[in-house]
Amino acid sequence: MESQQEDKRDRLGLFIAQWLKQQLDRWVNNGILNQNQKDAIKNLYAWPECETARTTEEKPAIKLVVILQAIGAFLIGIGVISYIAYNWPNLPNSAKLVFIITAIVLCHISAVQDNPC
């Protein structure tokens, strides 16, 4: 029953939760709300502190995946560059020209996508 009630509550982001907590305390101190009203408002939302156990367990796994993907991409890139560099003297001049122009165009395209102005 309690898990069904948690599913219906809106989840707050960390920034919004901190702001709302400060505002609720401020409203109680100024006499706008009483403690029962404050508790009723707090029960409408799922607060981030209640979910920290689950989120802290998931974050290291996500970071590990991102790190492993970055290492894999780096190693593949180094492998391709090493292969081309090793075979550079044996490549015909037209292939060398294609590699150089392709690298310039790809750098230009990636720079334009990062800065759309």
PDB file of N, CA and C in Angstrom:
ATOM      1  N   MET A   1       0.830  -1.193   0.000  1.00  0.00           N
ATOM      2  CA  MET A   1       0.000   0.000   0.000  1.00  0.00           C
ATOM      3  C   MET A   1       0.871   1.253   0.000  1.00  0.00           C
ATOM      4  N   GLU A   2       1.926   1.231   0.815  1.00  0.00           N
ATOM      5  CA  GLU A   2       2.795   2.401   0.910  1.00  0.00           C
ATOM      6  C   GLU A   2       3.599   2.604  -0.366  1.00  0.00           C
ATOM      7  N   SER A   3       4.005   1.508  -1.027  1.00  0.00           N
ATOM      8  CA  SER A   3       4.753   1.642  -2.278  1.00  0.00           C
ATOM      9  C   SER A   3       3.879   2.214  -3.387  1.00  0.00           C
ATOM     10  N   GLN A   4       2.567   1.898  -3.376  1.00  0.00           N
ATOM     11  CA  GLN A   4       1.665   2.473  -4.364  1.00  0.00           C
ATOM     12  C   GLN A   4       1.513   3.970  -4.149  1.00  0.00           C
ATOM     13  N   GLN A   5       1.502   4.387  -2.882  1.00  0.00           N
ATOM     14  CA  GLN A   5       1.374   5.809  -2.573  1.00  0.00           C
ATOM     15  C   GLN A   5       2.642   6.551  -3.007  1.00  0.00           C
ATOM     16  N   GLU A   6       3.827   5.937  -2.865  1.00  0.00           N
ATOM     17  CA  GLU A   6       5.070   6.567  -3.281  1.00  0.00           C
ATOM     18  C   GLU A   6       5.107   6.752  -4.791  1.00  0.00           C
ATOM     19  N   ASP A   7       4.529   5.819  -5.542  1.00  0.00           N
ATOM     20  CA  ASP A   7       4.534   5.929  -6.990  1.00  0.00           C
ATOM     21  C   ASP A   7       3.709   7.123  -7.463  1.00  0.00           C
ATOM     22  N   LYS A   8       2.677   7.493  -6.726  1.00  0.00           N
ATOM     23  CA  LYS A   8       1.807   8.591  -7.127  1.00  0.00           C
ATOM     24  C   LYS A   8       2.419   9.951  -6.790  1.00  0.00           C
ATOM     25  N   ARG A   9       3.381  10.001  -5.879  1.00  0.00           N
ATOM     26  CA  ARG A   9       3.967  11.269  -5.478  1.00  0.00           C
ATOM     27  C   ARG A   9       4.956  11.758  -6.528  1.00  0.00           C
ATOM     28  N   ASP A  10       5.001  13.072  -6.708  1.00  0.00           N
ATOM     29  CA  ASP A  10       5.957  13.675  -7.624  1.00  0.00           C
ATOM     30  C   ASP A  10       7.341  13.641  -7.007  1.00  0.00           C
ATOM     31  N   ARG A  11       8.340  13.342  -7.828  1.00  0.00           N
ATOM     32  CA  ARG A  11       9.715  13.333  -7.349  1.00  0.00           C
ATOM     33  C   ARG A  11      10.319  14.714  -7.530  1.00  0.00           C
ATOM     34  N   LEU A  12      11.021  15.158  -6.510  1.00  0.00           N
ATOM     35  CA  LEU A  12      11.652  16.471  -6.561  1.00  0.00           C
ATOM     36  C   LEU A  12      13.120  16.325  -6.928  1.00  0.00           C
ATOM     37  N   GLY A  13      13.617  17.270  -7.702  1.00  0.00           N
ATOM     38  CA  GLY A  13      15.041  17.351  -7.951  1.00  0.00           C
ATOM     39  C   GLY A  13      15.724  17.901  -6.707  1.00  0.00           C
ATOM     40  N   LEU A  14      17.035  17.745  -6.633  1.00  0.00           N
ATOM     41  CA  LEU A  14      17.774  18.158  -5.447  1.00  0.00           C
ATOM     42  C   LEU A  14      17.656  19.660  -5.216  1.00  0.00           C
ATOM     43  N   PHE A  15      17.814  20.458  -6.271  1.00  0.00           N
ATOM     44  CA  PHE A  15      17.735  21.916  -6.128  1.00  0.00           C
ATOM     45  C   PHE A  15      16.347  22.350  -5.672  1.00  0.00           C
ATOM     46  N   ILE A  16      15.317  21.805  -6.300  1.00  0.00           N
ATOM     47  CA  ILE A  16      13.936  22.163  -5.946  1.00  0.00           C
ATOM     48  C   ILE A  16      13.620  21.714  -4.519  1.00  0.00           C
ATOM     49  N   ALA A  17      14.104  20.535  -4.140  1.00  0.00           N
ATOM     50  CA  ALA A  17      13.841  20.039  -2.788  1.00  0.00           C
ATOM     51  C   ALA A  17      14.479  20.936  -1.740  1.00  0.00           C
ATOM     52  N   GLN A  18      15.714  21.375  -1.972  1.00  0.00           N
ATOM     53  CA  GLN A  18      16.365  22.269  -1.024  1.00  0.00           C
ATOM     54  C   GLN A  18      15.623  23.597  -0.928  1.00  0.00           C
ATOM     55  N   TRP A  19      15.209  24.123  -2.090  1.00  0.00           N
ATOM     56  CA  TRP A  19      14.475  25.383  -2.092  1.00  0.00           C
ATOM     57  C   TRP A  19      13.156  25.246  -1.338  1.00  0.00           C
ATOM     58  N   LEU A  20      12.413  24.180  -1.623  1.00  0.00           N
ATOM     59  CA  LEU A  20      11.113  23.995  -0.979  1.00  0.00           C
ATOM     60  C   LEU A  20      11.263  23.800   0.525  1.00  0.00           C
ATOM     61  N   LYS A  21      12.295  23.073   0.948  1.00  0.00           N
ATOM     62  CA  LYS A  21      12.524  22.883   2.383  1.00  0.00           C
ATOM     63  C   LYS A  21      12.778  24.223   3.073  1.00  0.00           C
ATOM     64  N   GLN A  22      13.610  25.058   2.457  1.00  0.00           N
ATOM     65  CA  GLN A  22      13.879  26.385   3.030  1.00  0.00           C
ATOM     66  C   GLN A  22      12.615  27.225   3.087  1.00  0.00           C
ATOM     67  N   GLN A  23      11.821  27.177   2.033  1.00  0.00           N
ATOM     68  CA  GLN A  23      10.591  27.959   2.002  1.00  0.00           C
ATOM     69  C   GLN A  23       9.589  27.467   3.049  1.00  0.00           C
ATOM     70  N   LEU A  24       9.469  26.165   3.195  1.00  0.00           N
ATOM     71  CA  LEU A  24       8.537  25.632   4.191  1.00  0.00           C
ATOM     72  C   LEU A  24       8.947  26.059   5.599  1.00  0.00           C
ATOM     73  N   ASP A  25      10.236  25.975   5.899  1.00  0.00           N
ATOM     74  CA  ASP A  25      10.714  26.426   7.211  1.00  0.00           C
ATOM     75  C   ASP A  25      10.446  27.923   7.400  1.00  0.00           C
ATOM     76  N   ARG A  26      10.667  28.674   6.359  1.00  0.00           N
ATOM     77  CA  ARG A  26      10.443  30.127   6.414  1.00  0.00           C
ATOM     78  C   ARG A  26       8.967  30.436   6.636  1.00  0.00           C
ATOM     79  N   TRP A  27       8.083  29.714   5.948  1.00  0.00           N
ATOM     80  CA  TRP A  27       6.653  29.945   6.092  1.00  0.00           C
ATOM     81  C   TRP A  27       6.154  29.571   7.483  1.00  0.00           C
ATOM     82  N   VAL A  28       6.743  28.499   8.061  1.00  0.00           N
ATOM     83  CA  VAL A  28       6.361  28.121   9.425  1.00  0.00           C
ATOM     84  C   VAL A  28       6.841  29.187  10.400  1.00  0.00           C
ATOM     85  N   ASN A  29       8.063  29.677  10.209  1.00  0.00           N
ATOM     86  CA  ASN A  29       8.602  30.709  11.109  1.00  0.00           C
ATOM     87  C   ASN A  29       7.820  32.018  11.017  1.00  0.00           C
ATOM     88  N   ASN A  30       7.305  32.331   9.829  1.00  0.00           N
ATOM     89  CA  ASN A  30       6.531  33.570   9.648  1.00  0.00           C
ATOM     90  C   ASN A  30       5.062  33.406  10.003  1.00  0.00           C
ATOM     91  N   GLY A  31       4.646  32.191  10.365  1.00  0.00           N
ATOM     92  CA  GLY A  31       3.264  31.976  10.765  1.00  0.00           C
ATOM     93  C   GLY A  31       2.306  31.782   9.605  1.00  0.00           C
ATOM     94  N   ILE A  32       2.823  31.617   8.400  1.00  0.00           N
ATOM     95  CA  ILE A  32       1.949  31.395   7.240  1.00  0.00           C
ATOM     96  C   ILE A  32       1.399  29.980   7.272  1.00  0.00           C
ATOM     97  N   LEU A  33       2.230  29.022   7.665  1.00  0.00           N
ATOM     98  CA  LEU A  33       1.832  27.622   7.785  1.00  0.00           C
ATOM     99  C   LEU A  33       2.077  27.152   9.209  1.00  0.00           C
ATOM    100  N   ASN A  34       1.299  26.143   9.644  1.00  0.00           N
ATOM    101  CA  ASN A  34       1.631  25.491  10.905  1.00  0.00           C
ATOM    102  C   ASN A  34       2.358  24.183  10.600  1.00  0.00           C
ATOM    103  N   GLN A  35       2.824  23.504  11.612  1.00  0.00           N
ATOM    104  CA  GLN A  35       3.638  22.296  11.414  1.00  0.00           C
ATOM    105  C   GLN A  35       2.855  21.200  10.694  1.00  0.00           C
ATOM    106  N   ASN A  36       1.560  21.057  10.981  1.00  0.00           N
ATOM    107  CA  ASN A  36       0.746  20.034  10.313  1.00  0.00           C
ATOM    108  C   ASN A  36       0.627  20.309   8.816  1.00  0.00           C
ATOM    109  N   GLN A  37       0.465  21.581   8.448  1.00  0.00           N
ATOM    110  CA  GLN A  37       0.388  21.936   7.035  1.00  0.00           C
ATOM    111  C   GLN A  37       1.720  21.690   6.338  1.00  0.00           C
ATOM    112  N   LYS A  38       2.805  22.016   7.036  1.00  0.00           N
ATOM    113  CA  LYS A  38       4.138  21.772   6.484  1.00  0.00           C
ATOM    114  C   LYS A  38       4.336  20.290   6.218  1.00  0.00           C
ATOM    115  N   ASP A  39       3.963  19.449   7.195  1.00  0.00           N
ATOM    116  CA  ASP A  39       4.111  17.997   7.024  1.00  0.00           C
ATOM    117  C   ASP A  39       3.223  17.475   5.895  1.00  0.00           C
ATOM    118  N   ALA A  40       2.030  18.039   5.752  1.00  0.00           N
ATOM    119  CA  ALA A  40       1.132  17.617   4.676  1.00  0.00           C
ATOM    120  C   ALA A  40       1.723  17.960   3.309  1.00  0.00           C
ATOM    121  N   ILE A  41       2.330  19.135   3.203  1.00  0.00           N
ATOM    122  CA  ILE A  41       2.971  19.515   1.939  1.00  0.00           C
ATOM    123  C   ILE A  41       4.172  18.620   1.668  1.00  0.00           C
ATOM    124  N   LYS A  42       4.974  18.332   2.691  1.00  0.00           N
ATOM    125  CA  LYS A  42       6.149  17.478   2.506  1.00  0.00           C
ATOM    126  C   LYS A  42       5.757  16.071   2.069  1.00  0.00           C
ATOM    127  N   ASN A  43       4.601  15.581   2.535  1.00  0.00           N
ATOM    128  CA  ASN A  43       4.161  14.229   2.179  1.00  0.00           C
ATOM    129  C   ASN A  43       3.641  14.128   0.744  1.00  0.00           C
ATOM    130  N   LEU A  44       3.445  15.276   0.093  1.00  0.00           N
ATOM    131  CA  LEU A  44       2.988  15.251  -1.299  1.00  0.00           C
ATOM    132  C   LEU A  44       4.104  14.849  -2.260  1.00  0.00           C
ATOM    133  N   TYR A  45       5.353  14.958  -1.834  1.00  0.00           N
ATOM    134  CA  TYR A  45       6.486  14.761  -2.729  1.00  0.00           C
ATOM    135  C   TYR A  45       7.408  13.656  -2.226  1.00  0.00           C
ATOM    136  N   ALA A  46       8.114  13.052  -3.180  1.00  0.00           N
ATOM    137  CA  ALA A  46       9.173  12.093  -2.845  1.00  0.00           C
ATOM    138  C   ALA A  46      10.465  12.892  -2.783  1.00  0.00           C
ATOM    139  N   TRP A  47      11.062  12.984  -1.626  1.00  0.00           N
ATOM    140  CA  TRP A  47      12.241  13.816  -1.400  1.00  0.00           C
ATOM    141  C   TRP A  47      13.505  13.054  -1.784  1.00  0.00           C
ATOM    142  N   PRO A  48      14.508  13.725  -2.303  1.00  0.00           N
ATOM    143  CA  PRO A  48      15.736  13.058  -2.754  1.00  0.00           C
ATOM    144  C   PRO A  48      16.448  12.277  -1.656  1.00  0.00           C
ATOM    145  N   GLU A  49      16.373  12.706  -0.397  1.00  0.00           N
ATOM    146  CA  GLU A  49      17.055  11.992   0.679  1.00  0.00           C
ATOM    147  C   GLU A  49      16.524  10.574   0.842  1.00  0.00           C
ATOM    148  N   CYS A  50      15.266  10.371   0.523  1.00  0.00           N
ATOM    149  CA  CYS A  50      14.663   9.043   0.637  1.00  0.00           C
ATOM    150  C   CYS A  50      15.194   8.107  -0.437  1.00  0.00           C
ATOM    151  N   GLU A  51      15.708   8.659  -1.539  1.00  0.00           N
ATOM    152  CA  GLU A  51      16.145   7.841  -2.661  1.00  0.00           C
ATOM    153  C   GLU A  51      17.661   7.786  -2.793  1.00  0.00           C
ATOM    154  N   THR A  52      18.405   8.335  -1.825  1.00  0.00           N
ATOM    155  CA  THR A  52      19.860   8.382  -1.962  1.00  0.00           C
ATOM    156  C   THR A  52      20.477   6.996  -1.960  1.00  0.00           C
ATOM    157  N   ALA A  53      19.908   6.062  -1.228  1.00  0.00           N
ATOM    158  CA  ALA A  53      20.489   4.719  -1.180  1.00  0.00           C
ATOM    159  C   ALA A  53      20.462   4.073  -2.561  1.00  0.00           C
ATOM    160  N   ARG A  54      19.377   4.244  -3.272  1.00  0.00           N
ATOM    161  CA  ARG A  54      19.267   3.641  -4.594  1.00  0.00           C
ATOM    162  C   ARG A  54      20.139   4.370  -5.616  1.00  0.00           C
ATOM    163  N   THR A  55      20.142   5.691  -5.589  1.00  0.00           N
ATOM    164  CA  THR A  55      20.886   6.435  -6.596  1.00  0.00           C
ATOM    165  C   THR A  55      22.388   6.307  -6.410  1.00  0.00           C
ATOM    166  N   THR A  56      22.864   6.223  -5.172  1.00  0.00           N
ATOM    167  CA  THR A  56      24.310   6.091  -4.977  1.00  0.00           C
ATOM    168  C   THR A  56      24.804   4.728  -5.427  1.00  0.00           C
ATOM    169  N   GLU A  57      23.943   3.706  -5.376  1.00  0.00           N
ATOM    170  CA  GLU A  57      24.348   2.388  -5.850  1.00  0.00           C
ATOM    171  C   GLU A  57      24.420   2.359  -7.379  1.00  0.00           C
ATOM    172  N   GLU A  58      23.578   3.125  -8.059  1.00  0.00           N
ATOM    173  CA  GLU A  58      23.545   3.101  -9.513  1.00  0.00           C
ATOM    174  C   GLU A  58      24.633   3.958 -10.140  1.00  0.00           C
ATOM    175  N   LYS A  59      25.030   5.042  -9.507  1.00  0.00           N
ATOM    176  CA  LYS A  59      25.971   5.967 -10.108  1.00  0.00           C
ATOM    177  C   LYS A  59      27.343   5.360 -10.393  1.00  0.00           C
ATOM    178  N   PRO A  60      27.960   4.608  -9.477  1.00  0.00           N
ATOM    179  CA  PRO A  60      29.279   4.057  -9.818  1.00  0.00           C
ATOM    180  C   PRO A  60      29.243   3.123 -11.016  1.00  0.00           C
ATOM    181  N   ALA A  61      28.178   2.366 -11.188  1.00  0.00           N
ATOM    182  CA  ALA A  61      28.076   1.474 -12.338  1.00  0.00           C
ATOM    183  C   ALA A  61      28.014   2.283 -13.633  1.00  0.00           C
ATOM    184  N   ILE A  62      27.274   3.366 -13.619  1.00  0.00           N
ATOM    185  CA  ILE A  62      27.174   4.208 -14.799  1.00  0.00           C
ATOM    186  C   ILE A  62      28.517   4.847 -15.094  1.00  0.00           C
ATOM    187  N   LYS A  63      29.215   5.334 -14.088  1.00  0.00           N
ATOM    188  CA  LYS A  63      30.519   5.938 -14.285  1.00  0.00           C
ATOM    189  C   LYS A  63      31.502   4.918 -14.829  1.00  0.00           C
ATOM    190  N   LEU A  64      31.442   3.685 -14.338  1.00  0.00           N
ATOM    191  CA  LEU A  64      32.346   2.644 -14.802  1.00  0.00           C
ATOM    192  C   LEU A  64      32.108   2.363 -16.285  1.00  0.00           C
ATOM    193  N   VAL A  65      30.862   2.303 -16.691  1.00  0.00           N
ATOM    194  CA  VAL A  65      30.535   2.052 -18.096  1.00  0.00           C
ATOM    195  C   VAL A  65      31.072   3.186 -18.974  1.00  0.00           C
ATOM    196  N   VAL A  66      30.886   4.417 -18.543  1.00  0.00           N
ATOM    197  CA  VAL A  66      31.366   5.561 -19.315  1.00  0.00           C
ATOM    198  C   VAL A  66      32.888   5.540 -19.414  1.00  0.00           C
ATOM    199  N   ILE A  67      33.562   5.219 -18.329  1.00  0.00           N
ATOM    200  CA  ILE A  67      35.027   5.160 -18.333  1.00  0.00           C
ATOM    201  C   ILE A  67      35.509   4.056 -19.274  1.00  0.00           C
ATOM    202  N   LEU A  68      34.873   2.892 -19.204  1.00  0.00           N
ATOM    203  CA  LEU A  68      35.278   1.787 -20.083  1.00  0.00           C
ATOM    204  C   LEU A  68      35.008   2.115 -21.555  1.00  0.00           C
ATOM    205  N   GLN A  69      33.922   2.803 -21.840  1.00  0.00           N
ATOM    206  CA  GLN A  69      33.641   3.210 -23.213  1.00  0.00           C
ATOM    207  C   GLN A  69      34.677   4.213 -23.704  1.00  0.00           C
ATOM    208  N   ALA A  70      35.070   5.136 -22.853  1.00  0.00           N
ATOM    209  CA  ALA A  70      36.071   6.127 -23.245  1.00  0.00           C
ATOM    210  C   ALA A  70      37.419   5.465 -23.505  1.00  0.00           C
ATOM    211  N   ILE A  71      37.802   4.533 -22.649  1.00  0.00           N
ATOM    212  CA  ILE A  71      39.062   3.809 -22.858  1.00  0.00           C
ATOM    213  C   ILE A  71      39.003   3.007 -24.152  1.00  0.00           C
ATOM    214  N   GLY A  72      37.883   2.354 -24.409  1.00  0.00           N
ATOM    215  CA  GLY A  72      37.726   1.580 -25.642  1.00  0.00           C
ATOM    216  C   GLY A  72      37.807   2.455 -26.880  1.00  0.00           C
ATOM    217  N   ALA A  73      37.136   3.604 -26.853  1.00  0.00           N
ATOM    218  CA  ALA A  73      37.185   4.520 -27.996  1.00  0.00           C
ATOM    219  C   ALA A  73      38.601   5.041 -28.208  1.00  0.00           C
ATOM    220  N   PHE A  74      39.297   5.348 -27.121  1.00  0.00           N
ATOM    221  CA  PHE A  74      40.679   5.823 -27.218  1.00  0.00           C
ATOM    222  C   PHE A  74      41.582   4.763 -27.838  1.00  0.00           C
ATOM    223  N   LEU A  75      41.450   3.521 -27.388  1.00  0.00           N
ATOM    224  CA  LEU A  75      42.296   2.444 -27.913  1.00  0.00           C
ATOM    225  C   LEU A  75      41.999   2.173 -29.388  1.00  0.00           C
ATOM    226  N   ILE A  76      40.744   2.213 -29.778  1.00  0.00           N
ATOM    227  CA  ILE A  76      40.405   2.016 -31.190  1.00  0.00           C
ATOM    228  C   ILE A  76      40.979   3.152 -32.027  1.00  0.00           C
ATOM    229  N   GLY A  77      40.859   4.373 -31.554  1.00  0.00           N
ATOM    230  CA  GLY A  77      41.410   5.516 -32.275  1.00  0.00           C
ATOM    231  C   GLY A  77      42.920   5.420 -32.428  1.00  0.00           C
ATOM    232  N   ILE A  78      43.596   5.057 -31.357  1.00  0.00           N
ATOM    233  CA  ILE A  78      45.052   4.895 -31.422  1.00  0.00           C
ATOM    234  C   ILE A  78      45.415   3.765 -32.384  1.00  0.00           C
ATOM    235  N   GLY A  79      44.628   2.703 -32.391  1.00  0.00           N
ATOM    236  CA  GLY A  79      44.885   1.588 -33.307  1.00  0.00           C
ATOM    237  C   GLY A  79      44.759   1.999 -34.767  1.00  0.00           C
ATOM    238  N   VAL A  80      43.715   2.754 -35.078  1.00  0.00           N
ATOM    239  CA  VAL A  80      43.526   3.210 -36.458  1.00  0.00           C
ATOM    240  C   VAL A  80      44.652   4.150 -36.864  1.00  0.00           C
ATOM    241  N   ILE A  81      44.996   5.087 -35.997  1.00  0.00           N
ATOM    242  CA  ILE A  81      46.085   6.026 -36.299  1.00  0.00           C
ATOM    243  C   ILE A  81      47.407   5.286 -36.463  1.00  0.00           C
ATOM    244  N   SER A  82      47.659   4.311 -35.606  1.00  0.00           N
ATOM    245  CA  SER A  82      48.911   3.542 -35.709  1.00  0.00           C
ATOM    246  C   SER A  82      48.963   2.745 -37.012  1.00  0.00           C
ATOM    247  N   TYR A  83      47.838   2.163 -37.395  1.00  0.00           N
ATOM    248  CA  TYR A  83      47.787   1.389 -38.636  1.00  0.00           C
ATOM    249  C   TYR A  83      48.090   2.273 -39.845  1.00  0.00           C
ATOM    250  N   ILE A  84      47.470   3.443 -39.879  1.00  0.00           N
ATOM    251  CA  ILE A  84      47.712   4.365 -40.994  1.00  0.00           C
ATOM    252  C   ILE A  84      49.149   4.868 -40.961  1.00  0.00           C
ATOM    253  N   ALA A  85      49.657   5.197 -39.780  1.00  0.00           N
ATOM    254  CA  ALA A  85      51.029   5.706 -39.680  1.00  0.00           C
ATOM    255  C   ALA A  85      52.045   4.644 -40.098  1.00  0.00           C
ATOM    256  N   TYR A  86      51.817   3.396 -39.727  1.00  0.00           N
ATOM    257  CA  TYR A  86      52.744   2.319 -40.090  1.00  0.00           C
ATOM    258  C   TYR A  86      52.777   2.109 -41.602  1.00  0.00           C
ATOM    259  N   ASN A  87      51.615   2.209 -42.235  1.00  0.00           N
ATOM    260  CA  ASN A  87      51.520   1.962 -43.674  1.00  0.00           C
ATOM    261  C   ASN A  87      51.641   3.233 -44.520  1.00  0.00           C
ATOM    262  N   TRP A  88      51.914   4.361 -43.903  1.00  0.00           N
ATOM    263  CA  TRP A  88      51.967   5.630 -44.624  1.00  0.00           C
ATOM    264  C   TRP A  88      52.945   5.620 -45.802  1.00  0.00           C
ATOM    265  N   PRO A  89      54.179   5.113 -45.653  1.00  0.00           N
ATOM    266  CA  PRO A  89      55.099   5.136 -46.801  1.00  0.00           C
ATOM    267  C   PRO A  89      54.629   4.268 -47.970  1.00  0.00           C
ATOM    268  N   ASN A  90      53.818   3.242 -47.688  1.00  0.00           N
ATOM    269  CA  ASN A  90      53.366   2.332 -48.728  1.00  0.00           C
ATOM    270  C   ASN A  90      52.083   2.794 -49.417  1.00  0.00           C
ATOM    271  N   LEU A  91      51.413   3.811 -48.870  1.00  0.00           N
ATOM    272  CA  LEU A  91      50.151   4.280 -49.448  1.00  0.00           C
ATOM    273  C   LEU A  91      50.422   5.135 -50.683  1.00  0.00           C
ATOM    274  N   PRO A  92      49.559   5.030 -51.689  1.00  0.00           N
ATOM    275  CA  PRO A  92      49.711   5.919 -52.855  1.00  0.00           C
ATOM    276  C   PRO A  92      49.390   7.366 -52.451  1.00  0.00           C
ATOM    277  N   ASN A  93      49.894   8.284 -53.221  1.00  0.00           N
ATOM    278  CA  ASN A  93      49.700   9.703 -52.907  1.00  0.00           C
ATOM    279  C   ASN A  93      48.223  10.094 -52.889  1.00  0.00           C
ATOM    280  N   SER A  94      47.423   9.492 -53.724  1.00  0.00           N
ATOM    281  CA  SER A  94      45.995   9.826 -53.747  1.00  0.00           C
ATOM    282  C   SER A  94      45.312   9.408 -52.430  1.00  0.00           C
ATOM    283  N   ALA A  95      45.681   8.263 -51.865  1.00  0.00           N
ATOM    284  CA  ALA A  95      45.107   7.811 -50.594  1.00  0.00           C
ATOM    285  C   ALA A  95      45.543   8.735 -49.461  1.00  0.00           C
ATOM    286  N   LYS A  96      46.801   9.175 -49.510  1.00  0.00           N
ATOM    287  CA  LYS A  96      47.284  10.111 -48.495  1.00  0.00           C
ATOM    288  C   LYS A  96      46.486  11.405 -48.551  1.00  0.00           C
ATOM    289  N   LEU A  97      46.249  11.884 -49.757  1.00  0.00           N
ATOM    290  CA  LEU A  97      45.487  13.111 -49.932  1.00  0.00           C
ATOM    291  C   LEU A  97      44.059  12.952 -49.410  1.00  0.00           C
ATOM    292  N   VAL A  98      43.452  11.797 -49.674  1.00  0.00           N
ATOM    293  CA  VAL A  98      42.095  11.538 -49.178  1.00  0.00           C
ATOM    294  C   VAL A  98      42.071  11.535 -47.652  1.00  0.00           C
ATOM    295  N   PHE A  99      43.041  10.890 -47.006  1.00  0.00           N
ATOM    296  CA  PHE A  99      43.109  10.874 -45.543  1.00  0.00           C
ATOM    297  C   PHE A  99      43.240  12.287 -44.985  1.00  0.00           C
ATOM    298  N   ILE A 100      44.112  13.088 -45.565  1.00  0.00           N
ATOM    299  CA  ILE A 100      44.344  14.441 -45.063  1.00  0.00           C
ATOM    300  C   ILE A 100      43.101  15.304 -45.235  1.00  0.00           C
ATOM    301  N   ILE A 101      42.481  15.265 -46.418  1.00  0.00           N
ATOM    302  CA  ILE A 101      41.279  16.077 -46.656  1.00  0.00           C
ATOM    303  C   ILE A 101      40.135  15.614 -45.767  1.00  0.00           C
ATOM    304  N   THR A 102      39.988  14.311 -45.597  1.00  0.00           N
ATOM    305  CA  THR A 102      38.931  13.779 -44.724  1.00  0.00           C
ATOM    306  C   THR A 102      39.134  14.254 -43.291  1.00  0.00           C
ATOM    307  N   ALA A 103      40.365  14.225 -42.794  1.00  0.00           N
ATOM    308  CA  ALA A 103      40.639  14.686 -41.433  1.00  0.00           C
ATOM    309  C   ALA A 103      40.301  16.162 -41.277  1.00  0.00           C
ATOM    310  N   ILE A 104      40.660  16.971 -42.267  1.00  0.00           N
ATOM    311  CA  ILE A 104      40.358  18.403 -42.198  1.00  0.00           C
ATOM    312  C   ILE A 104      38.853  18.645 -42.204  1.00  0.00           C
ATOM    313  N   VAL A 105      38.139  17.962 -43.076  1.00  0.00           N
ATOM    314  CA  VAL A 105      36.687  18.142 -43.163  1.00  0.00           C
ATOM    315  C   VAL A 105      36.002  17.684 -41.880  1.00  0.00           C
ATOM    316  N   LEU A 106      36.413  16.542 -41.340  1.00  0.00           N
ATOM    317  CA  LEU A 106      35.812  16.052 -40.093  1.00  0.00           C
ATOM    318  C   LEU A 106      36.074  17.005 -38.934  1.00  0.00           C
ATOM    319  N   CYS A 107      37.273  17.556 -38.853  1.00  0.00           N
ATOM    320  CA  CYS A 107      37.571  18.541 -37.800  1.00  0.00           C
ATOM    321  C   CYS A 107      36.702  19.782 -37.963  1.00  0.00           C
ATOM    322  N   HIS A 108      36.535  20.218 -39.196  1.00  0.00           N
ATOM    323  CA  HIS A 108      35.705  21.390 -39.440  1.00  0.00           C
ATOM    324  C   HIS A 108      34.245  21.116 -39.074  1.00  0.00           C
ATOM    325  N   ILE A 109      33.728  19.958 -39.447  1.00  0.00           N
ATOM    326  CA  ILE A 109      32.345  19.617 -39.143  1.00  0.00           C
ATOM    327  C   ILE A 109      32.125  19.517 -37.632  1.00  0.00           C
ATOM    328  N   SER A 110      33.050  18.885 -36.921  1.00  0.00           N
ATOM    329  CA  SER A 110      32.894  18.763 -35.470  1.00  0.00           C
ATOM    330  C   SER A 110      32.975  20.134 -34.798  1.00  0.00           C
ATOM    331  N   ALA A 111      33.789  21.042 -35.314  1.00  0.00           N
ATOM    332  CA  ALA A 111      33.873  22.382 -34.740  1.00  0.00           C
ATOM    333  C   ALA A 111      32.597  23.163 -35.002  1.00  0.00           C
ATOM    334  N   VAL A 112      32.014  23.005 -36.169  1.00  0.00           N
ATOM    335  CA  VAL A 112      30.770  23.716 -36.500  1.00  0.00           C
ATOM    336  C   VAL A 112      29.631  23.193 -35.648  1.00  0.00           C
ATOM    337  N   GLN A 113      29.584  21.899 -35.375  1.00  0.00           N
ATOM    338  CA  GLN A 113      28.498  21.330 -34.561  1.00  0.00           C
ATOM    339  C   GLN A 113      28.605  21.784 -33.111  1.00  0.00           C
ATOM    340  N   ASP A 114      29.809  21.968 -32.590  1.00  0.00           N
ATOM    341  CA  ASP A 114      29.974  22.426 -31.218  1.00  0.00           C
ATOM    342  C   ASP A 114      29.587  23.894 -31.059  1.00  0.00           C
ATOM    343  N   ASN A 115      29.840  24.697 -32.074  1.00  0.00           N
ATOM    344  CA  ASN A 115      29.539  26.116 -32.029  1.00  0.00           C
ATOM    345  C   ASN A 115      28.635  26.476 -33.208  1.00  0.00           C
ATOM    346  N   PRO A 116      27.310  26.427 -33.042  1.00  0.00           N
ATOM    347  CA  PRO A 116      26.410  26.603 -34.174  1.00  0.00           C
ATOM    348  C   PRO A 116      26.302  28.035 -34.684  1.00  0.00           C
ATOM    349  N   CYS A 117      26.975  28.964 -34.081  1.00  0.00           N
ATOM    350  CA  CYS A 117      26.865  30.372 -34.512  1.00  0.00           C
ATOM    351  C   CYS A 117      27.452  30.602 -35.862  1.00  0.00           C
TER     352      CYS A 117
END
